[in-house]
Amino acid sequence: MKIRGIFCCTTAANNEEYRKVLKKRNVWMAALAVAGIMIAAAALVAEHSGASALPEYILGVYCGFGTGLAIAGIIVFVRNMILLGNEAKLKMNRLENTDERLMEIGSRAGKTAIKVVLLVGTASAMICGIYEPVLIKAMLFMLDVFLFSYITAYAYHKHKI
């Protein structure tokens, strides 16, 4: 069985609708690649200018994270462009991404992952907060942002659907 990405599913009924979906995704992939390049460039500039008080390890993390984002964005962008240029591959990919069974599996996997992240985030905040008090504030802020965004998105989609 093939594992689908969390942002791959679609409800496009035909190739033209799916083509529009892929074009929108390509805008996001281009933005992701640009953001990755900017993050990596900022880390490189900070490292070479010596203006940053961050340890070299952290600058390497930023550089690697930015590079990874840029590469992922470019790979998905190119993959989507190849799909847009080949009608047979476009149709096959659309059918794979509209499979209801795979959508349900993805939905259940997402719900499970959310529960795990909330649990681990809470535990991390409590444990790390013992050693570094600012970490508990940062972790709990992230959990609050998640919960607030979930409630807002739920209310929005409840009225829209």
N, C-alpha and C. Protein backbone atom coordinates (compact mmCIF):
# COMPACT_ATOMS: atom_id res chain seq x y z
N MET A 1 0.83 -1.17 0.00
CA MET A 1 0.00 0.00 0.00
C MET A 1 0.88 1.24 0.00
N LYS A 2 0.47 2.22 -0.75
CA LYS A 2 1.23 3.45 -0.91
C LYS A 2 0.80 4.46 0.15
N ILE A 3 1.75 5.10 0.80
CA ILE A 3 1.44 6.13 1.79
C ILE A 3 1.30 7.46 1.07
N ARG A 4 0.20 8.14 1.31
CA ARG A 4 -0.06 9.44 0.71
C ARG A 4 0.34 10.53 1.70
N GLY A 5 0.78 11.66 1.19
CA GLY A 5 1.14 12.78 2.04
C GLY A 5 -0.10 13.39 2.69
N ILE A 6 0.10 14.14 3.76
CA ILE A 6 -1.03 14.70 4.48
C ILE A 6 -1.72 15.81 3.70
N PHE A 7 -1.07 16.38 2.70
CA PHE A 7 -1.68 17.44 1.91
C PHE A 7 -2.02 16.99 0.49
N CYS A 8 -2.09 15.70 0.26
CA CYS A 8 -2.29 15.19 -1.10
C CYS A 8 -3.74 14.95 -1.48
N CYS A 9 -4.59 14.66 -0.54
CA CYS A 9 -5.97 14.30 -0.87
C CYS A 9 -6.71 15.46 -1.50
N THR A 10 -7.65 15.12 -2.35
CA THR A 10 -8.44 16.13 -3.05
C THR A 10 -9.82 15.57 -3.38
N THR A 11 -10.73 16.47 -3.67
CA THR A 11 -12.07 16.06 -4.08
C THR A 11 -12.30 16.40 -5.54
N ALA A 12 -11.25 16.68 -6.29
CA ALA A 12 -11.38 17.03 -7.70
C ALA A 12 -12.03 15.88 -8.46
N ALA A 13 -13.06 16.22 -9.22
CA ALA A 13 -13.83 15.19 -9.94
C ALA A 13 -13.25 14.87 -11.30
N ASN A 14 -12.48 15.78 -11.88
CA ASN A 14 -11.91 15.53 -13.20
C ASN A 14 -10.52 16.15 -13.28
N ASN A 15 -9.85 15.90 -14.41
CA ASN A 15 -8.47 16.35 -14.56
C ASN A 15 -8.35 17.87 -14.55
N GLU A 16 -9.33 18.57 -15.09
CA GLU A 16 -9.26 20.03 -15.12
C GLU A 16 -9.31 20.61 -13.71
N GLU A 17 -10.20 20.07 -12.87
CA GLU A 17 -10.26 20.51 -11.48
C GLU A 17 -8.96 20.18 -10.76
N TYR A 18 -8.43 19.00 -11.02
CA TYR A 18 -7.19 18.58 -10.36
C TYR A 18 -6.01 19.44 -10.84
N ARG A 19 -6.04 19.83 -12.09
CA ARG A 19 -5.00 20.70 -12.63
C ARG A 19 -4.99 22.03 -11.86
N LYS A 20 -6.17 22.58 -11.56
CA LYS A 20 -6.26 23.82 -10.80
C LYS A 20 -5.72 23.62 -9.38
N VAL A 21 -6.03 22.46 -8.78
CA VAL A 21 -5.53 22.15 -7.44
C VAL A 21 -4.01 22.11 -7.45
N LEU A 22 -3.43 21.44 -8.44
CA LEU A 22 -1.97 21.34 -8.52
C LEU A 22 -1.31 22.70 -8.75
N LYS A 23 -1.96 23.55 -9.53
CA LYS A 23 -1.40 24.89 -9.76
C LYS A 23 -1.39 25.70 -8.46
N LYS A 24 -2.46 25.58 -7.67
CA LYS A 24 -2.49 26.26 -6.37
C LYS A 24 -1.41 25.70 -5.45
N ARG A 25 -1.26 24.38 -5.46
CA ARG A 25 -0.23 23.75 -4.63
C ARG A 25 1.15 24.20 -5.05
N ASN A 26 1.34 24.40 -6.35
CA ASN A 26 2.65 24.85 -6.82
C ASN A 26 2.99 26.25 -6.33
N VAL A 27 1.99 27.10 -6.17
CA VAL A 27 2.24 28.42 -5.61
C VAL A 27 2.76 28.26 -4.18
N TRP A 28 2.14 27.37 -3.42
CA TRP A 28 2.58 27.13 -2.04
C TRP A 28 3.95 26.47 -2.00
N MET A 29 4.23 25.58 -2.95
CA MET A 29 5.54 24.94 -2.98
C MET A 29 6.63 25.93 -3.34
N ALA A 30 6.33 26.86 -4.24
CA ALA A 30 7.30 27.90 -4.57
C ALA A 30 7.55 28.79 -3.35
N ALA A 31 6.49 29.13 -2.63
CA ALA A 31 6.64 29.94 -1.41
C ALA A 31 7.45 29.18 -0.36
N LEU A 32 7.23 27.88 -0.25
CA LEU A 32 7.98 27.05 0.69
C LEU A 32 9.46 27.04 0.32
N ALA A 33 9.76 26.90 -0.95
CA ALA A 33 11.15 26.88 -1.41
C ALA A 33 11.81 28.23 -1.14
N VAL A 34 11.10 29.32 -1.41
CA VAL A 34 11.66 30.65 -1.16
C VAL A 34 11.90 30.86 0.34
N ALA A 35 10.95 30.44 1.17
CA ALA A 35 11.11 30.56 2.62
C ALA A 35 12.33 29.76 3.09
N GLY A 36 12.50 28.56 2.56
CA GLY A 36 13.66 27.74 2.91
C GLY A 36 14.96 28.38 2.50
N ILE A 37 14.99 28.96 1.31
CA ILE A 37 16.20 29.65 0.84
C ILE A 37 16.51 30.84 1.74
N MET A 38 15.46 31.58 2.13
CA MET A 38 15.67 32.74 2.99
C MET A 38 16.19 32.33 4.37
N ILE A 39 15.65 31.25 4.92
CA ILE A 39 16.11 30.77 6.23
C ILE A 39 17.57 30.34 6.16
N ALA A 40 17.90 29.56 5.13
CA ALA A 40 19.28 29.09 4.98
C ALA A 40 20.22 30.27 4.73
N ALA A 41 19.80 31.22 3.91
CA ALA A 41 20.64 32.38 3.61
C ALA A 41 20.86 33.23 4.87
N ALA A 42 19.79 33.40 5.67
CA ALA A 42 19.93 34.18 6.91
C ALA A 42 20.92 33.51 7.85
N ALA A 43 20.86 32.19 7.94
CA ALA A 43 21.80 31.47 8.80
C ALA A 43 23.23 31.61 8.29
N LEU A 44 23.41 31.51 6.97
CA LEU A 44 24.76 31.65 6.40
C LEU A 44 25.31 33.06 6.60
N VAL A 45 24.45 34.06 6.39
CA VAL A 45 24.89 35.44 6.59
C VAL A 45 25.25 35.68 8.05
N ALA A 46 24.41 35.18 8.97
CA ALA A 46 24.69 35.34 10.40
C ALA A 46 26.00 34.66 10.78
N GLU A 47 26.26 33.50 10.19
CA GLU A 47 27.48 32.77 10.52
C GLU A 47 28.72 33.50 9.99
N HIS A 48 28.65 33.97 8.76
CA HIS A 48 29.83 34.60 8.15
C HIS A 48 30.06 36.03 8.62
N SER A 49 29.01 36.71 9.06
CA SER A 49 29.19 38.09 9.51
C SER A 49 29.68 38.15 10.95
N GLY A 50 29.41 37.09 11.69
CA GLY A 50 29.83 37.06 13.08
C GLY A 50 28.95 37.92 13.99
N ALA A 51 27.86 38.45 13.44
CA ALA A 51 26.98 39.33 14.21
C ALA A 51 26.05 38.55 15.13
N SER A 52 25.91 37.28 14.89
CA SER A 52 24.99 36.47 15.68
C SER A 52 25.68 35.89 16.90
N ALA A 53 24.94 35.87 18.00
CA ALA A 53 25.47 35.29 19.23
C ALA A 53 25.07 33.81 19.35
N LEU A 54 24.44 33.28 18.30
CA LEU A 54 24.00 31.89 18.33
C LEU A 54 25.18 30.95 18.14
N PRO A 55 25.13 29.81 18.81
CA PRO A 55 26.20 28.81 18.61
C PRO A 55 26.21 28.30 17.17
N GLU A 56 27.36 27.85 16.74
CA GLU A 56 27.50 27.35 15.38
C GLU A 56 26.55 26.18 15.11
N TYR A 57 26.33 25.36 16.11
CA TYR A 57 25.41 24.22 15.96
C TYR A 57 24.01 24.69 15.59
N ILE A 58 23.51 25.72 16.26
CA ILE A 58 22.17 26.24 16.00
C ILE A 58 22.10 26.86 14.60
N LEU A 59 23.15 27.56 14.21
CA LEU A 59 23.18 28.11 12.85
C LEU A 59 23.15 26.98 11.82
N GLY A 60 23.81 25.88 12.11
CA GLY A 60 23.77 24.71 11.23
C GLY A 60 22.37 24.12 11.15
N VAL A 61 21.67 24.11 12.29
CA VAL A 61 20.29 23.60 12.31
C VAL A 61 19.42 24.48 11.41
N TYR A 62 19.55 25.79 11.54
CA TYR A 62 18.77 26.71 10.71
C TYR A 62 19.10 26.53 9.23
N CYS A 63 20.37 26.40 8.94
CA CYS A 63 20.80 26.23 7.55
C CYS A 63 20.27 24.91 6.98
N GLY A 64 20.36 23.85 7.76
CA GLY A 64 19.86 22.55 7.31
C GLY A 64 18.34 22.54 7.16
N PHE A 65 17.66 23.18 8.09
CA PHE A 65 16.19 23.26 8.02
C PHE A 65 15.77 24.03 6.78
N GLY A 66 16.41 25.17 6.55
CA GLY A 66 16.07 25.98 5.37
C GLY A 66 16.37 25.24 4.08
N THR A 67 17.51 24.57 4.04
CA THR A 67 17.87 23.80 2.85
C THR A 67 16.88 22.68 2.60
N GLY A 68 16.49 22.00 3.67
CA GLY A 68 15.50 20.92 3.53
C GLY A 68 14.17 21.43 3.02
N LEU A 69 13.71 22.55 3.55
CA LEU A 69 12.45 23.14 3.06
C LEU A 69 12.55 23.50 1.58
N ALA A 70 13.66 24.13 1.22
CA ALA A 70 13.84 24.54 -0.17
C ALA A 70 13.86 23.33 -1.11
N ILE A 71 14.60 22.31 -0.74
CA ILE A 71 14.69 21.12 -1.59
C ILE A 71 13.33 20.43 -1.70
N ALA A 72 12.62 20.29 -0.57
CA ALA A 72 11.30 19.65 -0.60
C ALA A 72 10.34 20.45 -1.49
N GLY A 73 10.33 21.77 -1.34
CA GLY A 73 9.46 22.61 -2.17
C GLY A 73 9.76 22.46 -3.64
N ILE A 74 11.05 22.45 -3.98
CA ILE A 74 11.45 22.33 -5.38
C ILE A 74 11.08 20.96 -5.93
N ILE A 75 11.31 19.90 -5.17
CA ILE A 75 10.99 18.55 -5.64
C ILE A 75 9.50 18.40 -5.91
N VAL A 76 8.67 18.85 -4.97
CA VAL A 76 7.22 18.73 -5.17
C VAL A 76 6.76 19.62 -6.32
N PHE A 77 7.34 20.81 -6.45
CA PHE A 77 7.01 21.71 -7.55
C PHE A 77 7.29 21.04 -8.89
N VAL A 78 8.49 20.48 -9.02
CA VAL A 78 8.88 19.81 -10.28
C VAL A 78 7.98 18.60 -10.53
N ARG A 79 7.70 17.82 -9.48
CA ARG A 79 6.82 16.66 -9.62
C ARG A 79 5.44 17.08 -10.14
N ASN A 80 4.91 18.15 -9.58
CA ASN A 80 3.61 18.63 -10.02
C ASN A 80 3.66 19.14 -11.46
N MET A 81 4.75 19.78 -11.84
CA MET A 81 4.89 20.25 -13.23
C MET A 81 4.92 19.07 -14.20
N ILE A 82 5.58 18.00 -13.79
CA ILE A 82 5.62 16.80 -14.64
C ILE A 82 4.21 16.22 -14.77
N LEU A 83 3.47 16.18 -13.66
CA LEU A 83 2.08 15.69 -13.72
C LEU A 83 1.23 16.57 -14.62
N LEU A 84 1.40 17.88 -14.52
CA LEU A 84 0.61 18.79 -15.34
C LEU A 84 0.89 18.62 -16.83
N GLY A 85 2.07 18.15 -17.16
CA GLY A 85 2.44 17.96 -18.56
C GLY A 85 2.11 16.60 -19.13
N ASN A 86 1.64 15.67 -18.30
CA ASN A 86 1.35 14.31 -18.76
C ASN A 86 -0.07 13.93 -18.31
N GLU A 87 -0.98 13.88 -19.26
CA GLU A 87 -2.40 13.64 -18.96
C GLU A 87 -2.63 12.28 -18.29
N ALA A 88 -1.92 11.25 -18.71
CA ALA A 88 -2.10 9.92 -18.14
C ALA A 88 -1.64 9.89 -16.68
N LYS A 89 -0.47 10.47 -16.40
CA LYS A 89 0.02 10.51 -15.03
C LYS A 89 -0.86 11.39 -14.15
N LEU A 90 -1.37 12.47 -14.73
CA LEU A 90 -2.27 13.37 -14.00
C LEU A 90 -3.53 12.62 -13.57
N LYS A 91 -4.11 11.87 -14.48
CA LYS A 91 -5.34 11.11 -14.17
C LYS A 91 -5.06 10.05 -13.11
N MET A 92 -3.96 9.32 -13.26
CA MET A 92 -3.62 8.27 -12.30
C MET A 92 -3.39 8.87 -10.91
N ASN A 93 -2.69 9.99 -10.85
CA ASN A 93 -2.43 10.63 -9.57
C ASN A 93 -3.71 11.18 -8.95
N ARG A 94 -4.59 11.75 -9.78
CA ARG A 94 -5.87 12.25 -9.27
C ARG A 94 -6.69 11.13 -8.68
N LEU A 95 -6.75 10.00 -9.36
CA LEU A 95 -7.52 8.86 -8.86
C LEU A 95 -6.94 8.33 -7.55
N GLU A 96 -5.63 8.31 -7.43
CA GLU A 96 -5.00 7.88 -6.17
C GLU A 96 -5.33 8.85 -5.04
N ASN A 97 -5.36 10.13 -5.33
CA ASN A 97 -5.59 11.14 -4.30
C ASN A 97 -7.06 11.38 -3.97
N THR A 98 -7.96 10.79 -4.74
CA THR A 98 -9.39 10.92 -4.43
C THR A 98 -9.95 9.62 -3.84
N ASP A 99 -9.11 8.64 -3.60
CA ASP A 99 -9.54 7.37 -3.03
C ASP A 99 -10.09 7.61 -1.61
N GLU A 100 -11.36 7.30 -1.41
CA GLU A 100 -12.02 7.55 -0.12
C GLU A 100 -11.38 6.76 1.02
N ARG A 101 -10.93 5.57 0.73
CA ARG A 101 -10.31 4.75 1.76
C ARG A 101 -9.02 5.41 2.25
N LEU A 102 -8.21 5.90 1.30
CA LEU A 102 -6.98 6.57 1.67
C LEU A 102 -7.26 7.87 2.42
N MET A 103 -8.33 8.56 2.06
CA MET A 103 -8.71 9.79 2.76
C MET A 103 -9.08 9.48 4.21
N GLU A 104 -9.81 8.40 4.41
CA GLU A 104 -10.20 8.02 5.77
C GLU A 104 -8.98 7.60 6.58
N ILE A 105 -8.08 6.84 5.96
CA ILE A 105 -6.85 6.45 6.64
C ILE A 105 -6.06 7.69 7.03
N GLY A 106 -5.95 8.63 6.11
CA GLY A 106 -5.23 9.87 6.39
C GLY A 106 -5.88 10.68 7.50
N SER A 107 -7.20 10.70 7.50
CA SER A 107 -7.93 11.43 8.54
C SER A 107 -7.69 10.80 9.91
N ARG A 108 -7.78 9.50 9.99
CA ARG A 108 -7.54 8.80 11.26
C ARG A 108 -6.09 8.95 11.72
N ALA A 109 -5.17 8.85 10.77
CA ALA A 109 -3.75 9.00 11.12
C ALA A 109 -3.49 10.42 11.63
N GLY A 110 -4.11 11.40 11.00
CA GLY A 110 -3.95 12.79 11.44
C GLY A 110 -4.49 13.01 12.84
N LYS A 111 -5.65 12.44 13.13
CA LYS A 111 -6.23 12.57 14.47
C LYS A 111 -5.33 11.92 15.52
N THR A 112 -4.78 10.77 15.20
CA THR A 112 -3.88 10.09 16.12
C THR A 112 -2.61 10.91 16.33
N ALA A 113 -2.06 11.44 15.24
CA ALA A 113 -0.84 12.24 15.34
C ALA A 113 -1.08 13.50 16.17
N ILE A 114 -2.24 14.12 16.00
CA ILE A 114 -2.57 15.31 16.79
C ILE A 114 -2.60 14.97 18.28
N LYS A 115 -3.22 13.86 18.62
CA LYS A 115 -3.28 13.45 20.03
C LYS A 115 -1.89 13.20 20.60
N VAL A 116 -1.03 12.55 19.80
CA VAL A 116 0.33 12.27 20.25
C VAL A 116 1.10 13.57 20.43
N VAL A 117 0.99 14.49 19.47
CA VAL A 117 1.71 15.76 19.57
C VAL A 117 1.23 16.56 20.78
N LEU A 118 -0.07 16.58 21.04
CA LEU A 118 -0.58 17.29 22.21
C LEU A 118 -0.06 16.67 23.50
N LEU A 119 -0.06 15.35 23.56
CA LEU A 119 0.43 14.66 24.75
C LEU A 119 1.92 14.90 24.96
N VAL A 120 2.71 14.70 23.92
CA VAL A 120 4.16 14.88 24.02
C VAL A 120 4.50 16.35 24.27
N GLY A 121 3.77 17.26 23.64
CA GLY A 121 4.01 18.69 23.87
C GLY A 121 3.75 19.08 25.31
N THR A 122 2.67 18.57 25.86
CA THR A 122 2.36 18.86 27.26
C THR A 122 3.42 18.26 28.18
N ALA A 123 3.78 17.01 27.95
CA ALA A 123 4.81 16.37 28.78
C ALA A 123 6.15 17.09 28.65
N SER A 124 6.51 17.47 27.43
CA SER A 124 7.77 18.20 27.21
C SER A 124 7.76 19.53 27.95
N ALA A 125 6.63 20.23 27.89
CA ALA A 125 6.53 21.53 28.58
C ALA A 125 6.74 21.35 30.07
N MET A 126 6.12 20.33 30.63
CA MET A 126 6.23 20.12 32.07
C MET A 126 7.64 19.69 32.48
N ILE A 127 8.24 18.80 31.71
CA ILE A 127 9.58 18.30 32.05
C ILE A 127 10.65 19.36 31.77
N CYS A 128 10.61 19.95 30.58
CA CYS A 128 11.62 20.96 30.23
C CYS A 128 11.48 22.22 31.07
N GLY A 129 10.26 22.52 31.50
CA GLY A 129 10.03 23.70 32.33
C GLY A 129 10.77 23.64 33.65
N ILE A 130 11.07 22.45 34.11
CA ILE A 130 11.84 22.29 35.34
C ILE A 130 13.25 22.85 35.16
N TYR A 131 13.84 22.60 33.99
CA TYR A 131 15.22 22.99 33.73
C TYR A 131 15.35 24.39 33.15
N GLU A 132 14.35 24.80 32.36
CA GLU A 132 14.39 26.11 31.71
C GLU A 132 12.98 26.68 31.70
N PRO A 133 12.66 27.57 32.62
CA PRO A 133 11.29 28.07 32.77
C PRO A 133 10.67 28.68 31.51
N VAL A 134 11.49 29.25 30.64
CA VAL A 134 10.94 29.86 29.43
C VAL A 134 10.39 28.79 28.49
N LEU A 135 10.91 27.56 28.56
CA LEU A 135 10.44 26.49 27.68
C LEU A 135 8.99 26.11 27.97
N ILE A 136 8.59 26.12 29.23
CA ILE A 136 7.20 25.77 29.54
C ILE A 136 6.27 26.82 28.96
N LYS A 137 6.68 28.08 29.00
CA LYS A 137 5.86 29.14 28.41
C LYS A 137 5.77 28.98 26.90
N ALA A 138 6.89 28.68 26.27
CA ALA A 138 6.90 28.52 24.81
C ALA A 138 6.06 27.32 24.38
N MET A 139 6.23 26.19 25.05
CA MET A 139 5.48 24.98 24.68
C MET A 139 3.99 25.16 24.93
N LEU A 140 3.64 25.72 26.05
CA LEU A 140 2.22 25.93 26.34
C LEU A 140 1.62 26.97 25.41
N PHE A 141 2.40 27.96 25.01
CA PHE A 141 1.91 28.91 24.01
C PHE A 141 1.60 28.20 22.70
N MET A 142 2.48 27.30 22.27
CA MET A 142 2.25 26.54 21.03
C MET A 142 0.99 25.67 21.15
N LEU A 143 0.80 25.05 22.28
CA LEU A 143 -0.40 24.24 22.48
C LEU A 143 -1.65 25.12 22.47
N ASP A 144 -1.56 26.29 23.07
CA ASP A 144 -2.69 27.23 23.05
C ASP A 144 -2.99 27.70 21.63
N VAL A 145 -1.96 27.99 20.86
CA VAL A 145 -2.16 28.40 19.46
C VAL A 145 -2.85 27.28 18.69
N PHE A 146 -2.40 26.04 18.91
CA PHE A 146 -3.04 24.92 18.22
C PHE A 146 -4.51 24.83 18.59
N LEU A 147 -4.81 24.85 19.87
CA LEU A 147 -6.20 24.71 20.31
C LEU A 147 -7.07 25.87 19.81
N PHE A 148 -6.56 27.09 19.87
CA PHE A 148 -7.31 28.24 19.39
C PHE A 148 -7.55 28.13 17.88
N SER A 149 -6.53 27.73 17.13
CA SER A 149 -6.69 27.60 15.68
C SER A 149 -7.66 26.47 15.34
N TYR A 150 -7.66 25.40 16.13
CA TYR A 150 -8.60 24.31 15.91
C TYR A 150 -10.04 24.79 16.13
N ILE A 151 -10.26 25.49 17.22
CA ILE A 151 -11.60 25.99 17.53
C ILE A 151 -12.07 26.97 16.45
N THR A 152 -11.19 27.85 16.03
CA THR A 152 -11.53 28.82 14.98
C THR A 152 -11.82 28.13 13.66
N ALA A 153 -10.97 27.18 13.27
CA ALA A 153 -11.18 26.46 12.02
C ALA A 153 -12.46 25.62 12.07
N TYR A 154 -12.74 25.02 13.21
CA TYR A 154 -13.95 24.23 13.38
C TYR A 154 -15.19 25.12 13.18
N ALA A 155 -15.18 26.27 13.82
CA ALA A 155 -16.33 27.18 13.70
C ALA A 155 -16.48 27.66 12.26
N TYR A 156 -15.37 27.98 11.60
CA TYR A 156 -15.40 28.44 10.22
C TYR A 156 -15.99 27.37 9.30
N HIS A 157 -15.47 26.16 9.40
CA HIS A 157 -15.94 25.09 8.53
C HIS A 157 -17.36 24.63 8.86
N LYS A 158 -17.75 24.77 10.11
CA LYS A 158 -19.12 24.42 10.50
C LYS A 158 -20.11 25.32 9.79
N HIS A 159 -19.77 26.60 9.67
CA HIS A 159 -20.67 27.55 8.99
C HIS A 159 -20.56 27.42 7.47
N LYS A 160 -19.40 27.06 6.98
CA LYS A 160 -19.19 26.99 5.53
C LYS A 160 -19.80 25.73 4.91
N ILE A 161 -19.75 24.62 5.65
CA ILE A 161 -20.24 23.36 5.08
C ILE A 161 -21.71 23.19 5.36
